[in-house]
Every structure is written in C-alpha cells, then in structure tokens.
Protein backbone atom coordinates (compact mmCIF):
# COMPACT_ATOMS: atom_id res chain seq x y z
CA UNK A 1 0.00 0.00 0.00
CA UNK A 2 1.60 3.30 -1.06
CA UNK A 3 0.64 6.95 -0.87
CA UNK A 4 3.22 8.43 -3.27
CA UNK A 5 0.59 10.12 -5.44
CA UNK A 6 -0.61 12.15 -2.48
CA UNK A 7 2.69 13.90 -1.80
CA UNK A 8 5.15 15.95 -3.82
CA UNK A 9 8.32 15.45 -1.80
CA UNK A 10 7.66 12.36 0.29
CA UNK A 11 7.79 8.70 -0.60
CA UNK A 12 5.50 6.64 1.62
CA UNK A 13 5.16 2.87 1.66
CA UNK A 14 3.52 0.37 3.96
CA UNK A 15 4.86 -2.96 5.11
CA UNK A 16 2.47 -4.64 7.47
CA UNK A 17 1.77 -2.23 10.30
CA UNK A 18 4.79 -0.01 9.56
CA UNK A 19 4.70 3.13 7.44
CA UNK A 20 8.03 4.13 5.90
CA UNK A 21 8.32 7.84 5.07
CA UNK A 22 11.26 9.18 3.06
CA UNK A 23 12.08 12.83 2.46
CA UNK A 24 12.49 12.94 -1.31
CA UNK A 25 14.42 16.06 -2.35
CA UNK A 26 17.88 14.50 -2.63
CA UNK A 27 19.09 17.10 -5.13
CA UNK A 28 18.91 19.75 -2.37
CA UNK A 29 19.83 17.42 0.52
CA UNK A 30 16.16 17.07 1.49
CA UNK A 31 16.00 20.71 2.54
CA UNK A 32 12.64 22.16 3.57
CA UNK A 33 10.52 24.10 1.13
CA UNK A 34 6.81 24.95 1.62
CA UNK A 35 5.70 21.84 -0.28
CA UNK A 36 7.78 19.48 1.87
CA UNK A 37 6.51 21.16 5.03
CA UNK A 38 2.95 20.75 3.77
CA UNK A 39 3.58 17.10 2.84
CA UNK A 40 4.95 16.22 6.27
CA UNK A 41 2.06 17.97 8.03
CA UNK A 42 -0.50 16.22 5.82
CA UNK A 43 1.12 12.82 6.37
CA UNK A 44 1.17 13.32 10.15
CA UNK A 45 -2.49 14.36 10.13
CA UNK A 46 -3.38 11.26 8.10
CA UNK A 47 -2.45 9.02 11.03
CA UNK A 48 -4.81 10.65 13.53
CA UNK A 49 -7.72 8.29 12.86
CA UNK A 50 -5.89 5.23 11.53
CA UNK A 51 -5.45 2.15 13.67
CA UNK A 52 -3.76 0.08 10.96
CA UNK A 53 -0.36 1.71 11.53
CA UNK A 54 1.67 0.45 14.52
CA UNK A 55 4.85 2.50 13.92
CA UNK A 56 6.49 4.79 11.37
CA UNK A 57 10.05 5.27 10.12
CA UNK A 58 11.38 8.62 8.88
CA UNK A 59 14.39 8.64 6.54
CA UNK A 60 15.97 10.78 3.84
CA UNK A 61 16.71 9.95 0.21
CA UNK A 62 20.22 10.40 -1.14
CA UNK A 63 23.38 11.06 0.88
CA UNK A 64 21.87 13.32 3.57
CA UNK A 65 18.96 12.96 6.01
CA UNK A 66 17.96 16.66 6.02
CA UNK A 67 20.07 19.80 5.62
CA UNK A 68 17.47 22.20 7.05
CA UNK A 69 16.17 25.18 5.12
CA UNK A 70 16.24 25.37 1.33
CA UNK A 71 18.63 28.11 0.20
CA UNK A 72 16.25 29.25 -2.55
CA UNK A 73 13.42 29.60 -0.04
CA UNK A 74 15.63 31.47 2.42
CA UNK A 75 16.76 33.81 -0.36
CA UNK A 76 13.14 34.63 -1.16
CA UNK A 77 12.33 35.23 2.50
CA UNK A 78 15.13 37.82 2.77
CA UNK A 79 12.93 40.21 0.80
CA UNK A 80 9.64 39.07 2.34
CA UNK A 81 7.70 41.14 4.85
CA UNK A 82 7.55 40.26 8.53
CA UNK A 83 3.98 39.07 8.01
CA UNK A 84 5.07 36.75 5.20
CA UNK A 85 7.93 35.44 7.32
CA UNK A 86 5.55 34.92 10.24
CA UNK A 87 3.15 32.91 8.06
CA UNK A 88 6.02 30.73 6.82
CA UNK A 89 7.33 30.17 10.37
CA UNK A 90 3.85 29.29 11.62
CA UNK A 91 3.49 26.62 8.93
CA UNK A 92 6.83 25.15 9.96
CA UNK A 93 5.89 25.26 13.66
CA UNK A 94 2.56 23.55 12.96
CA UNK A 95 4.33 20.80 11.00
CA UNK A 96 6.74 20.06 13.85
CA UNK A 97 3.87 20.04 16.33
CA UNK A 98 1.92 17.57 14.18
CA UNK A 99 4.92 15.24 13.98
CA UNK A 100 5.58 15.53 17.71
CA UNK A 101 1.95 14.58 18.42
CA UNK A 102 1.96 11.62 16.06
CA UNK A 103 -0.10 8.91 17.81
CA UNK A 104 2.29 6.08 16.91
CA UNK A 105 6.03 5.69 17.56
CA UNK A 106 8.23 7.50 15.02
CA UNK A 107 11.70 6.08 14.42
CA UNK A 108 14.29 8.33 12.81
CA UNK A 109 16.83 6.74 10.46
CA UNK A 110 19.57 9.37 10.23
CA UNK A 111 22.53 9.31 7.88
CA UNK A 112 24.81 11.91 6.35
CA UNK A 113 23.76 15.09 8.12
CA UNK A 114 20.89 16.57 10.09
CA UNK A 115 21.30 20.33 10.30
CA UNK A 116 19.05 23.17 11.42
CA UNK A 117 15.47 22.08 10.89
CA UNK A 118 16.82 18.60 10.18
CA UNK A 119 17.76 18.35 13.85
CA UNK A 120 14.21 19.45 14.57
CA UNK A 121 12.99 16.35 12.76
CA UNK A 122 15.37 14.24 14.82
CA UNK A 123 14.03 15.85 17.99
CA UNK A 124 10.41 14.92 17.29
CA UNK A 125 11.25 11.26 16.64
CA UNK A 126 10.60 8.93 19.56
CA UNK A 127 13.61 6.76 18.76
CA UNK A 128 16.58 7.63 16.57
CA UNK A 129 19.16 5.36 14.99
CA UNK A 130 22.08 7.26 13.47
CA UNK A 131 25.01 6.27 11.29
CA UNK A 132 28.28 6.60 13.19
CA UNK A 133 29.55 9.14 10.63
CA UNK A 134 26.40 11.32 10.73
CA UNK A 135 26.84 15.02 11.50
CA UNK A 136 24.44 17.24 13.44
CA UNK A 137 24.21 20.94 14.10
CA UNK A 138 21.91 23.72 15.30
CA UNK A 139 23.57 25.91 12.70
CA UNK A 140 21.03 28.73 12.50
CA UNK A 141 23.11 31.30 14.41
CA UNK A 142 25.79 31.02 11.72
CA UNK A 143 23.20 32.67 9.43
CA UNK A 144 22.13 35.26 11.98
CA UNK A 145 18.88 33.47 12.80
CA UNK A 146 17.90 31.09 15.61
CA UNK A 147 16.59 27.50 16.05
CA UNK A 148 13.29 28.93 17.20
CA UNK A 149 10.39 26.72 16.07
CA UNK A 150 12.37 23.57 16.83
CA UNK A 151 13.49 24.77 20.26
CA UNK A 152 10.62 23.25 22.31
CA UNK A 153 11.41 19.79 20.95
CA UNK A 154 15.19 20.14 20.97
CA UNK A 155 15.24 21.48 24.54
CA UNK A 156 12.99 18.64 25.71
CA UNK A 157 15.42 16.24 24.05
CA UNK A 158 18.88 17.56 24.96
CA UNK A 159 18.24 19.87 27.93
CA UNK A 160 19.32 23.42 28.58
CA UNK A 161 22.97 22.66 29.31
CA UNK A 162 23.66 21.14 25.90
CA UNK A 163 21.46 23.75 24.21
CA UNK A 164 23.50 26.57 25.74
CA UNK A 165 26.56 25.20 24.00
CA UNK A 166 25.06 24.01 20.73
CA UNK A 167 22.37 26.63 20.07
CA UNK A 168 24.76 29.48 20.81
CA UNK A 169 27.83 28.27 18.93
CA UNK A 170 26.08 26.65 15.96
CA UNK A 171 28.89 24.08 16.09
CA UNK A 172 28.53 20.81 14.25
CA UNK A 173 28.90 17.61 16.25
CA UNK A 174 29.08 13.91 15.59
CA UNK A 175 26.84 10.96 16.32
CA UNK A 176 28.70 9.99 19.50
CA UNK A 177 28.06 13.44 20.97
CA UNK A 178 24.44 13.28 19.78
CA UNK A 179 23.97 10.04 21.70
CA UNK A 180 25.72 11.47 24.76
CA UNK A 181 23.20 14.34 25.00
CA UNK A 182 20.17 12.17 24.27
CA UNK A 183 19.48 13.37 20.74
CA UNK A 184 19.91 9.86 19.30
CA UNK A 185 19.57 6.45 20.90
CA UNK A 186 21.61 4.07 18.74
CA UNK A 187 24.79 4.77 16.78
CA UNK A 188 25.75 2.09 14.30
CA UNK A 189 27.81 1.67 11.12
CA UNK A 190 25.91 3.10 8.17
CA UNK A 191 25.50 -0.40 6.72
CA UNK A 192 23.61 -1.47 9.87
CA UNK A 193 21.11 1.39 9.97
CA UNK A 194 18.25 -0.68 8.60
CA UNK A 195 19.11 -3.48 11.00
CA UNK A 196 19.00 -1.07 13.94
CA UNK A 197 15.60 0.23 12.83
CA UNK A 198 14.33 -3.33 12.41
CA UNK A 199 15.41 -4.22 15.93
CA UNK A 200 13.27 -1.41 17.33
CA UNK A 201 10.36 -2.41 15.10
CA UNK A 202 10.63 -5.98 16.42
CA UNK A 203 10.17 -4.61 19.94
CA UNK A 204 7.03 -2.73 18.89
CA UNK A 205 5.57 -5.90 17.40
CA UNK A 206 5.38 -7.36 20.91
CA UNK A 207 3.69 -4.31 22.48
CA UNK A 208 0.01 -3.54 22.86
CA UNK A 209 -0.78 -1.05 20.07
CA UNK A 210 -3.22 1.00 22.13
CA UNK A 211 -0.97 0.87 25.19
CA UNK A 212 1.86 2.39 23.14
CA UNK A 213 -0.43 5.19 21.92
CA UNK A 214 -1.51 5.95 25.48
CA UNK A 215 2.08 5.79 26.75
CA UNK A 216 3.22 8.23 24.07
CA UNK A 217 0.45 10.68 24.93
CA UNK A 218 1.30 10.28 28.63
CA UNK A 219 4.94 11.24 28.02
CA UNK A 220 3.83 14.48 26.38
CA UNK A 221 1.17 15.25 28.98
CA UNK A 222 3.21 14.43 32.08
CA UNK A 223 6.54 15.76 30.88
CA UNK A 224 5.88 19.18 32.38
CA UNK A 225 3.29 18.29 35.02
CA UNK A 226 4.15 18.72 38.74
CA UNK A 227 4.06 15.31 40.49
CA UNK A 228 1.22 16.40 42.79
CA UNK A 229 -0.95 17.37 39.82
CA UNK A 230 -0.04 14.20 37.94
CA UNK A 231 -0.95 11.71 40.66
CA UNK A 232 -4.69 11.48 40.04
CA UNK A 233 -4.34 11.67 36.26
CA UNK A 234 -1.77 8.87 36.09
CA UNK A 235 -3.78 6.69 38.47
CA UNK A 236 -6.82 7.09 36.21
CA UNK A 237 -4.83 6.23 33.09
CA UNK A 238 -3.46 3.05 34.70
CA UNK A 239 -6.91 1.98 35.90
CA UNK A 240 -8.38 2.61 32.44
CA UNK A 241 -5.69 0.47 30.81
CA UNK A 242 -6.14 -2.39 33.28
CA UNK A 243 -9.84 -2.68 32.51
CA UNK A 244 -9.48 -2.07 28.75
CA UNK A 245 -9.87 -4.99 26.35
CA UNK A 246 -6.20 -4.80 25.41
CA UNK A 247 -5.03 -4.52 29.01
CA UNK A 248 -7.15 -7.49 30.04
CA UNK A 249 -5.77 -9.55 27.16
CA UNK A 250 -2.18 -8.62 27.96
CA UNK A 251 -2.48 -9.40 31.67
CA UNK A 252 -4.26 -12.70 31.04
CA UNK A 253 -1.67 -13.71 28.43
CA UNK A 254 1.10 -13.04 30.94
CA UNK A 255 -0.61 -15.02 33.67
CA UNK A 256 -1.43 -17.87 31.27
CA UNK A 257 2.13 -17.87 29.86
CA UNK A 258 1.03 -17.37 26.27
CA UNK A 259 1.50 -14.73 23.61
CA UNK A 260 -0.89 -11.82 23.58
CA UNK A 261 -3.19 -11.65 20.57
CA UNK A 262 -1.39 -8.68 19.00
CA UNK A 263 2.13 -10.18 19.02
CA UNK A 264 3.42 -10.78 15.49
CA UNK A 265 4.51 -14.32 14.88
C-alpha cells in the first residue's frame, strides 16, 4: 500500500503495520521548502484516525537525512515582509507540532547530516538510529537566525545545558556526541542502519498497540506536570488500561504464559 501520489516530496510505503516515510528532495539534501513542510504535516495528520499503523520510520533519500532550510526559499524570504515570514514560520511550527503529536512511535533513520530544521525532525522522533559518521548541528546562528520553532522539541530532548553550547555556537557535532546528549539512541555503522531500525520495530511488534499510543500521549502530557498534579491523572490512566480490552488480554496472556493476541509471529 503506497501513498506516493498524495505527496510531492515524500515517498510513503507500507509494510504490514509499519509506514516508511522518506524525504524525497535528494538534489537539495532534502531541505525544507513549503511543499515538503505541507507534505509532512499532511502525512502526520493522516495518522490521527488510523489504527492500521503500529509505527512509522522517517528517513531521507540520497546522501543526507535533512540539511534544514532550502537556500532558494531562504533567499526569497530575505525580501519578504515580517507578516510573510511569520506565516512561513507558523506553517513550519505547525508541521513540527503535528509530527511531535503523532499517535504512533516515530523512528528516525539518520545518515549523512541533520542540520538546522533537520535536527528538529530528529528531535520529534521517539527513537533515533544514526550512522556513526552522521553530523548534526543547530547551525542557525551562523546565518544570523535562531533555532526557534524547533526549540521546544530540541530542549525537551537535549536539555538546557547542551542547548546553551550548541544553540549558541552553531557548532557541528558527531553521532557519539548526539547520543551522549540524548538526541539519538543508537549509533551504528551506516551499513547497519536498517538493521537497527528493524530491531526497534521488532520490539514494537510485541507491544500492545493502544498501550503504546496511550504511553506516548502520557509522556507528552506528564513531561511538564508537577508530580502532585499528575498523581490522580496517572492513576486514572493506569486503571483505564487495566480494565481495557487490550489490558485485560495482555495481563491474562502473561498469567497464562502465552503470547498476547497482538504479538506478530
């Protein structure tokens, strides 16, 4: 099942319960233009009401994952009004928000480079596997601008200490440093990237699909909640899951020493 005809700069294919999404502007290192931003937002929105997708994988075509902003677009925005720049930035912010709120796990497959807005994409992935020679950078300050619309996701990912260094210097850094600060989770030889992604997908095949959706929403909701305020909410979520059809099946399968009904064989 494919959705290529729907998008201009994305390639989307389905394999079982996994949707593979590839940024498809390799001639410009998968840099963002308005059409790619619109494609990513539309794809993310398409998953809101679909229960047939268990997980998604985000990758880039060609030698680079995503180099950030398209130079041609940035050149045009130099002469644009503040209102036009604000409209463009709002579209980008809405796209990142839609990806961050994706109901299913999003795995990033990062190779080559992830710069500027490309690191924003990395930051909204739940799990990231990176090639050991991949390069990262919040490079916006080198152009006299700032990593603004990606900052909520990047700060949640790497924390203020790392952001103070990397946002302010615009320095590029390698995959080992990216793992050290929590930006990526697995660093592997480039030839093993697909294998690393598959290992994470295998884990998801043994999880309750609805439980994973609830857990992902809980991470977002509780991430900034004071513990006292969270107590009643988290108790209610746990009780709801225990009495849900999926929760009942999972608990009974554990007690009966059998596979749960959703586990892929």
